[in-house]
Amino acid sequence: EAITGVPAAEIEAFARLVGETKRSYFRLGYGFTRNRNGAVNMHA
């Protein structure tokens, strides 16, 4: 939360959703990699 600005409760809710939903399809784009740490973001 301190780094991203996203409230911890939102992060918890997202994590629970993908944790409980086995058929989760992550469609990963280009936009979030156009930062100087972009390759690390994609891998994470």
ModelCIF file with pLDDT and N, C-alpha, C, O atoms, coordinates in Angstrom:
data_MODEL
#
_entry.id   MODEL 
#
_entity.id                         1 
_entity.type                       polymer 
_entity.pdbx_number_of_molecules   1 
#
_entity_poly.entity_id                      1 
_entity_poly.type                           'polypeptide(L)' 
_entity_poly.nstd_linkage                   no 
_entity_poly.nstd_monomer                   no 
_entity_poly.pdbx_seq_one_letter_code       EAITGVPAAEIEAFARLVGETKRSYFRLGYGFTRNRNGAVNMHA 
_entity_poly.pdbx_seq_one_letter_code_can   EAITGVPAAEIEAFARLVGETKRSYFRLGYGFTRNRNGAVNMHA 
_entity_poly.pdbx_strand_id                 A 
#
loop_
_entity_poly_seq.entity_id 
_entity_poly_seq.num 
_entity_poly_seq.mon_id 
_entity_poly_seq.hetero 
1 1  GLU n 
1 2  ALA n 
1 3  ILE n 
1 4  THR n 
1 5  GLY n 
1 6  VAL n 
1 7  PRO n 
1 8  ALA n 
1 9  ALA n 
1 10 GLU n 
1 11 ILE n 
1 12 GLU n 
1 13 ALA n 
1 14 PHE n 
1 15 ALA n 
1 16 ARG n 
1 17 LEU n 
1 18 VAL n 
1 19 GLY n 
1 20 GLU n 
1 21 THR n 
1 22 LYS n 
1 23 ARG n 
1 24 SER n 
1 25 TYR n 
1 26 PHE n 
1 27 ARG n 
1 28 LEU n 
1 29 GLY n 
1 30 TYR n 
1 31 GLY n 
1 32 PHE n 
1 33 THR n 
1 34 ARG n 
1 35 ASN n 
1 36 ARG n 
1 37 ASN n 
1 38 GLY n 
1 39 ALA n 
1 40 VAL n 
1 41 ASN n 
1 42 MET n 
1 43 HIS n 
1 44 ALA n 
#
_struct_asym.id          A 
_struct_asym.entity_id   1 
#
loop_
_ma_qa_metric.id 
_ma_qa_metric.mode 
_ma_qa_metric.name 
_ma_qa_metric.software_group_id 
_ma_qa_metric.type 
1 global pLDDT . pLDDT 
2 local  pLDDT . pLDDT 
#
_ma_qa_metric_global.metric_id      1 
_ma_qa_metric_global.metric_value   97.80 
_ma_qa_metric_global.model_id       1 
_ma_qa_metric_global.ordinal_id     1 
#
loop_
_ma_qa_metric_local.label_asym_id 
_ma_qa_metric_local.label_comp_id 
_ma_qa_metric_local.label_seq_id 
_ma_qa_metric_local.metric_id 
_ma_qa_metric_local.metric_value 
_ma_qa_metric_local.model_id 
_ma_qa_metric_local.ordinal_id 
A GLU 1  2 98.00 1 1  
A ALA 2  2 98.00 1 2  
A ILE 3  2 98.00 1 3  
A THR 4  2 98.00 1 4  
A GLY 5  2 98.00 1 5  
A VAL 6  2 98.00 1 6  
A PRO 7  2 98.00 1 7  
A ALA 8  2 98.00 1 8  
A ALA 9  2 98.00 1 9  
A GLU 10 2 98.00 1 10 
A ILE 11 2 98.00 1 11 
A GLU 12 2 98.00 1 12 
A ALA 13 2 98.00 1 13 
A PHE 14 2 98.00 1 14 
A ALA 15 2 98.00 1 15 
A ARG 16 2 98.00 1 16 
A LEU 17 2 98.00 1 17 
A VAL 18 2 98.00 1 18 
A GLY 19 2 98.00 1 19 
A GLU 20 2 98.00 1 20 
A THR 21 2 98.00 1 21 
A LYS 22 2 96.00 1 22 
A ARG 23 2 98.00 1 23 
A SER 24 2 98.00 1 24 
A TYR 25 2 98.00 1 25 
A PHE 26 2 98.00 1 26 
A ARG 27 2 98.00 1 27 
A LEU 28 2 98.00 1 28 
A GLY 29 2 97.00 1 29 
A TYR 30 2 96.00 1 30 
A GLY 31 2 96.00 1 31 
A PHE 32 2 97.00 1 32 
A THR 33 2 98.00 1 33 
A ARG 34 2 97.00 1 34 
A ASN 35 2 98.00 1 35 
A ARG 36 2 98.00 1 36 
A ASN 37 2 98.00 1 37 
A GLY 38 2 98.00 1 38 
A ALA 39 2 98.00 1 39 
A VAL 40 2 98.00 1 40 
A ASN 41 2 98.00 1 41 
A MET 42 2 98.00 1 42 
A HIS 43 2 98.00 1 43 
A ALA 44 2 98.00 1 44 
#
loop_
_atom_site.group_PDB 
_atom_site.id 
_atom_site.type_symbol 
_atom_site.label_atom_id 
_atom_site.label_alt_id 
_atom_site.label_comp_id 
_atom_site.label_asym_id 
_atom_site.label_entity_id 
_atom_site.label_seq_id 
_atom_site.pdbx_PDB_ins_code 
_atom_site.Cartn_x 
_atom_site.Cartn_y 
_atom_site.Cartn_z 
_atom_site.occupancy 
_atom_site.B_iso_or_equiv 
_atom_site.pdbx_formal_charge 
_atom_site.auth_seq_id 
_atom_site.auth_comp_id 
_atom_site.auth_asym_id 
_atom_site.auth_atom_id 
_atom_site.pdbx_PDB_model_num 
ATOM 1   N N  . GLU A 1 1  ? 0.828   -1.204  0.000   1.00 98.00 ? 1  GLU A N  1 
ATOM 2   C CA . GLU A 1 1  ? 0.000   0.000   0.000   1.00 98.00 ? 1  GLU A CA 1 
ATOM 3   C C  . GLU A 1 1  ? 0.865   1.258   0.000   1.00 98.00 ? 1  GLU A C  1 
ATOM 4   O O  . GLU A 1 1  ? 0.578   2.216   -0.719  1.00 98.00 ? 1  GLU A O  1 
ATOM 5   N N  . ALA A 1 2  ? 1.918   1.251   0.804   1.00 98.00 ? 2  ALA A N  1 
ATOM 6   C CA . ALA A 1 2  ? 2.801   2.417   0.875   1.00 98.00 ? 2  ALA A CA 1 
ATOM 7   C C  . ALA A 1 2  ? 3.510   2.682   -0.448  1.00 98.00 ? 2  ALA A C  1 
ATOM 8   O O  . ALA A 1 2  ? 3.819   3.830   -0.770  1.00 98.00 ? 2  ALA A O  1 
ATOM 9   N N  . ILE A 1 3  ? 3.768   1.629   -1.214  1.00 98.00 ? 3  ILE A N  1 
ATOM 10  C CA . ILE A 1 3  ? 4.492   1.770   -2.485  1.00 98.00 ? 3  ILE A CA 1 
ATOM 11  C C  . ILE A 1 3  ? 3.542   2.063   -3.628  1.00 98.00 ? 3  ILE A C  1 
ATOM 12  O O  . ILE A 1 3  ? 3.814   2.941   -4.447  1.00 98.00 ? 3  ILE A O  1 
ATOM 13  N N  . THR A 1 4  ? 2.426   1.340   -3.699  1.00 98.00 ? 4  THR A N  1 
ATOM 14  C CA . THR A 1 4  ? 1.524   1.391   -4.852  1.00 98.00 ? 4  THR A CA 1 
ATOM 15  C C  . THR A 1 4  ? 0.421   2.429   -4.732  1.00 98.00 ? 4  THR A C  1 
ATOM 16  O O  . THR A 1 4  ? -0.087  2.917   -5.742  1.00 98.00 ? 4  THR A O  1 
ATOM 17  N N  . GLY A 1 5  ? 0.046   2.773   -3.499  1.00 98.00 ? 5  GLY A N  1 
ATOM 18  C CA . GLY A 1 5  ? -1.124  3.604   -3.263  1.00 98.00 ? 5  GLY A CA 1 
ATOM 19  C C  . GLY A 1 5  ? -2.415  2.822   -3.202  1.00 98.00 ? 5  GLY A C  1 
ATOM 20  O O  . GLY A 1 5  ? -3.469  3.407   -2.952  1.00 98.00 ? 5  GLY A O  1 
ATOM 21  N N  . VAL A 1 6  ? -2.371  1.507   -3.423  1.00 98.00 ? 6  VAL A N  1 
ATOM 22  C CA . VAL A 1 6  ? -3.566  0.665   -3.393  1.00 98.00 ? 6  VAL A CA 1 
ATOM 23  C C  . VAL A 1 6  ? -3.844  0.255   -1.949  1.00 98.00 ? 6  VAL A C  1 
ATOM 24  O O  . VAL A 1 6  ? -2.955  -0.303  -1.306  1.00 98.00 ? 6  VAL A O  1 
ATOM 25  N N  . PRO A 1 7  ? -5.041  0.506   -1.409  1.00 98.00 ? 7  PRO A N  1 
ATOM 26  C CA . PRO A 1 7  ? -5.329  0.112   -0.031  1.00 98.00 ? 7  PRO A CA 1 
ATOM 27  C C  . PRO A 1 7  ? -5.093  -1.382  0.199   1.00 98.00 ? 7  PRO A C  1 
ATOM 28  O O  . PRO A 1 7  ? -5.401  -2.205  -0.663  1.00 98.00 ? 7  PRO A O  1 
ATOM 29  N N  . ALA A 1 8  ? -4.555  -1.720  1.350   1.00 98.00 ? 8  ALA A N  1 
ATOM 30  C CA . ALA A 1 8  ? -4.254  -3.112  1.676   1.00 98.00 ? 8  ALA A CA 1 
ATOM 31  C C  . ALA A 1 8  ? -5.502  -3.989  1.560   1.00 98.00 ? 8  ALA A C  1 
ATOM 32  O O  . ALA A 1 8  ? -5.409  -5.149  1.156   1.00 98.00 ? 8  ALA A O  1 
ATOM 33  N N  . ALA A 1 9  ? -6.653  -3.448  1.909   1.00 98.00 ? 9  ALA A N  1 
ATOM 34  C CA . ALA A 1 9  ? -7.888  -4.242  1.837   1.00 98.00 ? 9  ALA A CA 1 
ATOM 35  C C  . ALA A 1 9  ? -8.195  -4.634  0.389   1.00 98.00 ? 9  ALA A C  1 
ATOM 36  O O  . ALA A 1 9  ? -8.676  -5.741  0.144   1.00 98.00 ? 9  ALA A O  1 
ATOM 37  N N  . GLU A 1 10 ? -7.926  -3.747  -0.569  1.00 98.00 ? 10 GLU A N  1 
ATOM 38  C CA . GLU A 1 10 ? -8.127  -4.083  -1.982  1.00 98.00 ? 10 GLU A CA 1 
ATOM 39  C C  . GLU A 1 10 ? -7.184  -5.202  -2.413  1.00 98.00 ? 10 GLU A C  1 
ATOM 40  O O  . GLU A 1 10 ? -7.571  -6.109  -3.149  1.00 98.00 ? 10 GLU A O  1 
ATOM 41  N N  . ILE A 1 11 ? -5.949  -5.125  -1.947  1.00 98.00 ? 11 ILE A N  1 
ATOM 42  C CA . ILE A 1 11 ? -4.970  -6.155  -2.296  1.00 98.00 ? 11 ILE A CA 1 
ATOM 43  C C  . ILE A 1 11 ? -5.400  -7.495  -1.728  1.00 98.00 ? 11 ILE A C  1 
ATOM 44  O O  . ILE A 1 11 ? -5.317  -8.517  -2.408  1.00 98.00 ? 11 ILE A O  1 
ATOM 45  N N  . GLU A 1 12 ? -5.857  -7.493  -0.487  1.00 98.00 ? 12 GLU A N  1 
ATOM 46  C CA . GLU A 1 12 ? -6.339  -8.727  0.141   1.00 98.00 ? 12 GLU A CA 1 
ATOM 47  C C  . GLU A 1 12 ? -7.514  -9.316  -0.655  1.00 98.00 ? 12 GLU A C  1 
ATOM 48  O O  . GLU A 1 12 ? -7.573  -10.526 -0.875  1.00 98.00 ? 12 GLU A O  1 
ATOM 49  N N  . ALA A 1 13 ? -8.438  -8.462  -1.079  1.00 98.00 ? 13 ALA A N  1 
ATOM 50  C CA . ALA A 1 13 ? -9.611  -8.941  -1.819  1.00 98.00 ? 13 ALA A CA 1 
ATOM 51  C C  . ALA A 1 13 ? -9.204  -9.539  -3.165  1.00 98.00 ? 13 ALA A C  1 
ATOM 52  O O  . ALA A 1 13 ? -9.725  -10.579 -3.567  1.00 98.00 ? 13 ALA A O  1 
ATOM 53  N N  . PHE A 1 14 ? -8.287  -8.892  -3.848  1.00 98.00 ? 14 PHE A N  1 
ATOM 54  C CA . PHE A 1 14 ? -7.800  -9.412  -5.128  1.00 98.00 ? 14 PHE A CA 1 
ATOM 55  C C  . PHE A 1 14 ? -7.095  -10.746 -4.934  1.00 98.00 ? 14 PHE A C  1 
ATOM 56  O O  . PHE A 1 14 ? -7.306  -11.679 -5.709  1.00 98.00 ? 14 PHE A O  1 
ATOM 57  N N  . ALA A 1 15 ? -6.271  -10.840 -3.920  1.00 98.00 ? 15 ALA A N  1 
ATOM 58  C CA . ALA A 1 15 ? -5.549  -12.083 -3.657  1.00 98.00 ? 15 ALA A CA 1 
ATOM 59  C C  . ALA A 1 15 ? -6.514  -13.225 -3.345  1.00 98.00 ? 15 ALA A C  1 
ATOM 60  O O  . ALA A 1 15 ? -6.334  -14.342 -3.830  1.00 98.00 ? 15 ALA A O  1 
ATOM 61  N N  . ARG A 1 16 ? -7.529  -12.948 -2.542  1.00 98.00 ? 16 ARG A N  1 
ATOM 62  C CA . ARG A 1 16 ? -8.516  -13.988 -2.229  1.00 98.00 ? 16 ARG A CA 1 
ATOM 63  C C  . ARG A 1 16 ? -9.245  -14.434 -3.488  1.00 98.00 ? 16 ARG A C  1 
ATOM 64  O O  . ARG A 1 16 ? -9.484  -15.626 -3.684  1.00 98.00 ? 16 ARG A O  1 
ATOM 65  N N  . LEU A 1 17 ? -9.598  -13.475 -4.343  1.00 98.00 ? 17 LEU A N  1 
ATOM 66  C CA . LEU A 1 17 ? -10.329 -13.812 -5.565  1.00 98.00 ? 17 LEU A CA 1 
ATOM 67  C C  . LEU A 1 17 ? -9.527  -14.779 -6.427  1.00 98.00 ? 17 LEU A C  1 
ATOM 68  O O  . LEU A 1 17 ? -10.055 -15.811 -6.841  1.00 98.00 ? 17 LEU A O  1 
ATOM 69  N N  . VAL A 1 18 ? -8.274  -14.469 -6.703  1.00 98.00 ? 18 VAL A N  1 
ATOM 70  C CA . VAL A 1 18 ? -7.500  -15.356 -7.572  1.00 98.00 ? 18 VAL A CA 1 
ATOM 71  C C  . VAL A 1 18 ? -7.085  -16.623 -6.828  1.00 98.00 ? 18 VAL A C  1 
ATOM 72  O O  . VAL A 1 18 ? -6.867  -17.662 -7.451  1.00 98.00 ? 18 VAL A O  1 
ATOM 73  N N  . GLY A 1 19 ? -6.975  -16.544 -5.510  1.00 98.00 ? 19 GLY A N  1 
ATOM 74  C CA . GLY A 1 19 ? -6.655  -17.743 -4.748  1.00 98.00 ? 19 GLY A CA 1 
ATOM 75  C C  . GLY A 1 19 ? -7.795  -18.747 -4.742  1.00 98.00 ? 19 GLY A C  1 
ATOM 76  O O  . GLY A 1 19 ? -7.570  -19.956 -4.812  1.00 98.00 ? 19 GLY A O  1 
ATOM 77  N N  . GLU A 1 20 ? -9.005  -18.246 -4.661  1.00 98.00 ? 20 GLU A N  1 
ATOM 78  C CA . GLU A 1 20 ? -10.179 -19.117 -4.620  1.00 98.00 ? 20 GLU A CA 1 
ATOM 79  C C  . GLU A 1 20 ? -10.653 -19.525 -6.004  1.00 98.00 ? 20 GLU A C  1 
ATOM 80  O O  . GLU A 1 20 ? -11.473 -20.434 -6.130  1.00 98.00 ? 20 GLU A O  1 
ATOM 81  N N  . THR A 1 21 ? -10.148 -18.867 -7.055  1.00 98.00 ? 21 THR A N  1 
ATOM 82  C CA . THR A 1 21 ? -10.627 -19.090 -8.422  1.00 98.00 ? 21 THR A CA 1 
ATOM 83  C C  . THR A 1 21 ? -9.517  -19.728 -9.234  1.00 98.00 ? 21 THR A C  1 
ATOM 84  O O  . THR A 1 21 ? -8.637  -19.041 -9.752  1.00 98.00 ? 21 THR A O  1 
ATOM 85  N N  . LYS A 1 22 ? -9.566  -21.047 -9.342  1.00 96.00 ? 22 LYS A N  1 
ATOM 86  C CA . LYS A 1 22 ? -8.474  -21.755 -10.015 1.00 96.00 ? 22 LYS A CA 1 
ATOM 87  C C  . LYS A 1 22 ? -8.378  -21.387 -11.492 1.00 96.00 ? 22 LYS A C  1 
ATOM 88  O O  . LYS A 1 22 ? -7.283  -21.281 -12.045 1.00 96.00 ? 22 LYS A O  1 
ATOM 89  N N  . ARG A 1 23 ? -9.527  -21.194 -12.122 1.00 98.00 ? 23 ARG A N  1 
ATOM 90  C CA . ARG A 1 23 ? -9.511  -20.815 -13.545 1.00 98.00 ? 23 ARG A CA 1 
ATOM 91  C C  . ARG A 1 23 ? -9.372  -19.295 -13.663 1.00 98.00 ? 23 ARG A C  1 
ATOM 92  O O  . ARG A 1 23 ? -10.279 -18.614 -14.141 1.00 98.00 ? 23 ARG A O  1 
ATOM 93  N N  . SER A 1 24 ? -8.241  -18.784 -13.228 1.00 98.00 ? 24 SER A N  1 
ATOM 94  C CA . SER A 1 24 ? -7.938  -17.364 -13.379 1.00 98.00 ? 24 SER A CA 1 
ATOM 95  C C  . SER A 1 24 ? -6.966  -17.196 -14.539 1.00 98.00 ? 24 SER A C  1 
ATOM 96  O O  . SER A 1 24 ? -5.905  -17.820 -14.577 1.00 98.00 ? 24 SER A O  1 
ATOM 97  N N  . TYR A 1 25 ? -7.341  -16.352 -15.473 1.00 98.00 ? 25 TYR A N  1 
ATOM 98  C CA . TYR A 1 25 ? -6.542  -16.118 -16.681 1.00 98.00 ? 25 TYR A CA 1 
ATOM 99  C C  . TYR A 1 25 ? -5.933  -14.726 -16.575 1.00 98.00 ? 25 TYR A C  1 
ATOM 100 O O  . TYR A 1 25 ? -6.649  -13.726 -16.580 1.00 98.00 ? 25 TYR A O  1 
ATOM 101 N N  . PHE A 1 26 ? -4.618  -14.667 -16.479 1.00 98.00 ? 26 PHE A N  1 
ATOM 102 C CA . PHE A 1 26 ? -3.910  -13.398 -16.361 1.00 98.00 ? 26 PHE A CA 1 
ATOM 103 C C  . PHE A 1 26 ? -3.497  -12.933 -17.760 1.00 98.00 ? 26 PHE A C  1 
ATOM 104 O O  . PHE A 1 26 ? -2.620  -13.529 -18.385 1.00 98.00 ? 26 PHE A O  1 
ATOM 105 N N  . ARG A 1 27 ? -4.130  -11.876 -18.238 1.00 98.00 ? 27 ARG A N  1 
ATOM 106 C CA . ARG A 1 27 ? -3.777  -11.307 -19.546 1.00 98.00 ? 27 ARG A CA 1 
ATOM 107 C C  . ARG A 1 27 ? -2.855  -10.117 -19.293 1.00 98.00 ? 27 ARG A C  1 
ATOM 108 O O  . ARG A 1 27 ? -3.305  -9.037  -18.911 1.00 98.00 ? 27 ARG A O  1 
ATOM 109 N N  . LEU A 1 28 ? -1.553  -10.333 -19.511 1.00 98.00 ? 28 LEU A N  1 
ATOM 110 C CA . LEU A 1 28 ? -0.518  -9.376  -19.138 1.00 98.00 ? 28 LEU A CA 1 
ATOM 111 C C  . LEU A 1 28 ? -0.121  -8.532  -20.344 1.00 98.00 ? 28 LEU A C  1 
ATOM 112 O O  . LEU A 1 28 ? 0.280   -9.072  -21.375 1.00 98.00 ? 28 LEU A O  1 
ATOM 113 N N  . GLY A 1 29 ? -0.230  -7.210  -20.221 1.00 97.00 ? 29 GLY A N  1 
ATOM 114 C CA . GLY A 1 29 ? -0.001  -6.313  -21.340 1.00 97.00 ? 29 GLY A CA 1 
ATOM 115 C C  . GLY A 1 29 ? 1.415   -5.774  -21.404 1.00 97.00 ? 29 GLY A C  1 
ATOM 116 O O  . GLY A 1 29 ? 2.301   -6.209  -20.670 1.00 97.00 ? 29 GLY A O  1 
ATOM 117 N N  . TYR A 1 30 ? 1.606   -4.819  -22.297 1.00 96.00 ? 30 TYR A N  1 
ATOM 118 C CA . TYR A 1 30 ? 2.897   -4.155  -22.459 1.00 96.00 ? 30 TYR A CA 1 
ATOM 119 C C  . TYR A 1 30 ? 3.040   -2.922  -21.572 1.00 96.00 ? 30 TYR A C  1 
ATOM 120 O O  . TYR A 1 30 ? 4.147   -2.578  -21.157 1.00 96.00 ? 30 TYR A O  1 
ATOM 121 N N  . GLY A 1 31 ? 1.913   -2.253  -21.279 1.00 96.00 ? 31 GLY A N  1 
ATOM 122 C CA . GLY A 1 31 ? 1.985   -0.940  -20.657 1.00 96.00 ? 31 GLY A CA 1 
ATOM 123 C C  . GLY A 1 31 ? 2.755   -0.914  -19.357 1.00 96.00 ? 31 GLY A C  1 
ATOM 124 O O  . GLY A 1 31 ? 3.557   -0.008  -19.129 1.00 96.00 ? 31 GLY A O  1 
ATOM 125 N N  . PHE A 1 32 ? 2.523   -1.907  -18.490 1.00 97.00 ? 32 PHE A N  1 
ATOM 126 C CA . PHE A 1 32 ? 3.150   -1.851  -17.172 1.00 97.00 ? 32 PHE A CA 1 
ATOM 127 C C  . PHE A 1 32 ? 4.626   -2.235  -17.198 1.00 97.00 ? 32 PHE A C  1 
ATOM 128 O O  . PHE A 1 32 ? 5.303   -2.182  -16.171 1.00 97.00 ? 32 PHE A O  1 
ATOM 129 N N  . THR A 1 33 ? 5.126   -2.623  -18.375 1.00 98.00 ? 33 THR A N  1 
ATOM 130 C CA . THR A 1 33 ? 6.557   -2.920  -18.487 1.00 98.00 ? 33 THR A CA 1 
ATOM 131 C C  . THR A 1 33 ? 7.346   -1.731  -19.024 1.00 98.00 ? 33 THR A C  1 
ATOM 132 O O  . THR A 1 33 ? 8.572   -1.800  -19.111 1.00 98.00 ? 33 THR A O  1 
ATOM 133 N N  . ARG A 1 34 ? 6.673   -0.650  -19.383 1.00 97.00 ? 34 ARG A N  1 
ATOM 134 C CA . ARG A 1 34 ? 7.385   0.509   -19.941 1.00 97.00 ? 34 ARG A CA 1 
ATOM 135 C C  . ARG A 1 34 ? 7.824   1.455   -18.837 1.00 97.00 ? 34 ARG A C  1 
ATOM 136 O O  . ARG A 1 34 ? 7.639   2.670   -18.903 1.00 97.00 ? 34 ARG A O  1 
ATOM 137 N N  . ASN A 1 35 ? 8.414   0.841   -17.818 1.00 98.00 ? 35 ASN A N  1 
ATOM 138 C CA . ASN A 1 35 ? 9.076   1.521   -16.714 1.00 98.00 ? 35 ASN A CA 1 
ATOM 139 C C  . ASN A 1 35 ? 10.489  0.967   -16.614 1.00 98.00 ? 35 ASN A C  1 
ATOM 140 O O  . ASN A 1 35 ? 10.782  -0.087  -17.179 1.00 98.00 ? 35 ASN A O  1 
ATOM 141 N N  . ARG A 1 36 ? 11.348  1.650   -15.917 1.00 98.00 ? 36 ARG A N  1 
ATOM 142 C CA . ARG A 1 36 ? 12.741  1.190   -15.824 1.00 98.00 ? 36 ARG A CA 1 
ATOM 143 C C  . ARG A 1 36 ? 12.870  -0.120  -15.065 1.00 98.00 ? 36 ARG A C  1 
ATOM 144 O O  . ARG A 1 36 ? 13.905  -0.782  -15.141 1.00 98.00 ? 36 ARG A O  1 
ATOM 145 N N  . ASN A 1 37 ? 11.827  -0.503  -14.332 1.00 98.00 ? 37 ASN A N  1 
ATOM 146 C CA . ASN A 1 37 ? 11.790  -1.821  -13.693 1.00 98.00 ? 37 ASN A CA 1 
ATOM 147 C C  . ASN A 1 37 ? 10.770  -2.734  -14.369 1.00 98.00 ? 37 ASN A C  1 
ATOM 148 O O  . ASN A 1 37 ? 10.242  -3.653  -13.743 1.00 98.00 ? 37 ASN A O  1 
ATOM 149 N N  . GLY A 1 38 ? 10.492  -2.477  -15.655 1.00 98.00 ? 38 GLY A N  1 
ATOM 150 C CA . GLY A 1 38 ? 9.400   -3.154  -16.335 1.00 98.00 ? 38 GLY A CA 1 
ATOM 151 C C  . GLY A 1 38 ? 9.546   -4.652  -16.458 1.00 98.00 ? 38 GLY A C  1 
ATOM 152 O O  . GLY A 1 38 ? 8.563   -5.375  -16.300 1.00 98.00 ? 38 GLY A O  1 
ATOM 153 N N  . ALA A 1 39 ? 10.755  -5.147  -16.738 1.00 98.00 ? 39 ALA A N  1 
ATOM 154 C CA . ALA A 1 39 ? 10.940  -6.600  -16.858 1.00 98.00 ? 39 ALA A CA 1 
ATOM 155 C C  . ALA A 1 39 ? 10.676  -7.282  -15.524 1.00 98.00 ? 39 ALA A C  1 
ATOM 156 O O  . ALA A 1 39 ? 10.119  -8.379  -15.488 1.00 98.00 ? 39 ALA A O  1 
ATOM 157 N N  . VAL A 1 40 ? 11.071  -6.642  -14.426 1.00 98.00 ? 40 VAL A N  1 
ATOM 158 C CA . VAL A 1 40 ? 10.826  -7.187  -13.087 1.00 98.00 ? 40 VAL A CA 1 
ATOM 159 C C  . VAL A 1 40 ? 9.327   -7.211  -12.796 1.00 98.00 ? 40 VAL A C  1 
ATOM 160 O O  . VAL A 1 40 ? 8.820   -8.169  -12.212 1.00 98.00 ? 40 VAL A O  1 
ATOM 161 N N  . ASN A 1 41 ? 8.622   -6.164  -13.203 1.00 98.00 ? 41 ASN A N  1 
ATOM 162 C CA . ASN A 1 41 ? 7.171   -6.125  -12.992 1.00 98.00 ? 41 ASN A CA 1 
ATOM 163 C C  . ASN A 1 41 ? 6.471   -7.264  -13.721 1.00 98.00 ? 41 ASN A C  1 
ATOM 164 O O  . ASN A 1 41 ? 5.594   -7.923  -13.163 1.00 98.00 ? 41 ASN A O  1 
ATOM 165 N N  . MET A 1 42 ? 6.864   -7.494  -14.974 1.00 98.00 ? 42 MET A N  1 
ATOM 166 C CA . MET A 1 42 ? 6.259   -8.584  -15.741 1.00 98.00 ? 42 MET A CA 1 
ATOM 167 C C  . MET A 1 42 ? 6.511   -9.928  -15.061 1.00 98.00 ? 42 MET A C  1 
ATOM 168 O O  . MET A 1 42 ? 5.584   -10.721 -14.893 1.00 98.00 ? 42 MET A O  1 
ATOM 169 N N  . HIS A 1 43 ? 7.749   -10.186 -14.672 1.00 98.00 ? 43 HIS A N  1 
ATOM 170 C CA . HIS A 1 43 ? 8.076   -11.471 -14.041 1.00 98.00 ? 43 HIS A CA 1 
ATOM 171 C C  . HIS A 1 43 ? 7.284   -11.663 -12.749 1.00 98.00 ? 43 HIS A C  1 
ATOM 172 O O  . HIS A 1 43 ? 6.815   -12.765 -12.466 1.00 98.00 ? 43 HIS A O  1 
ATOM 173 N N  . ALA A 1 44 ? 7.136   -10.598 -11.967 1.00 98.00 ? 44 ALA A N  1 
ATOM 174 C CA . ALA A 1 44 ? 6.419   -10.710 -10.697 1.00 98.00 ? 44 ALA A CA 1 
ATOM 175 C C  . ALA A 1 44 ? 4.938   -11.014 -10.927 1.00 98.00 ? 44 ALA A C  1 
ATOM 176 O O  . ALA A 1 44 ? 4.178   -11.142 -9.967  1.00 98.00 ? 44 ALA A O  1 
#
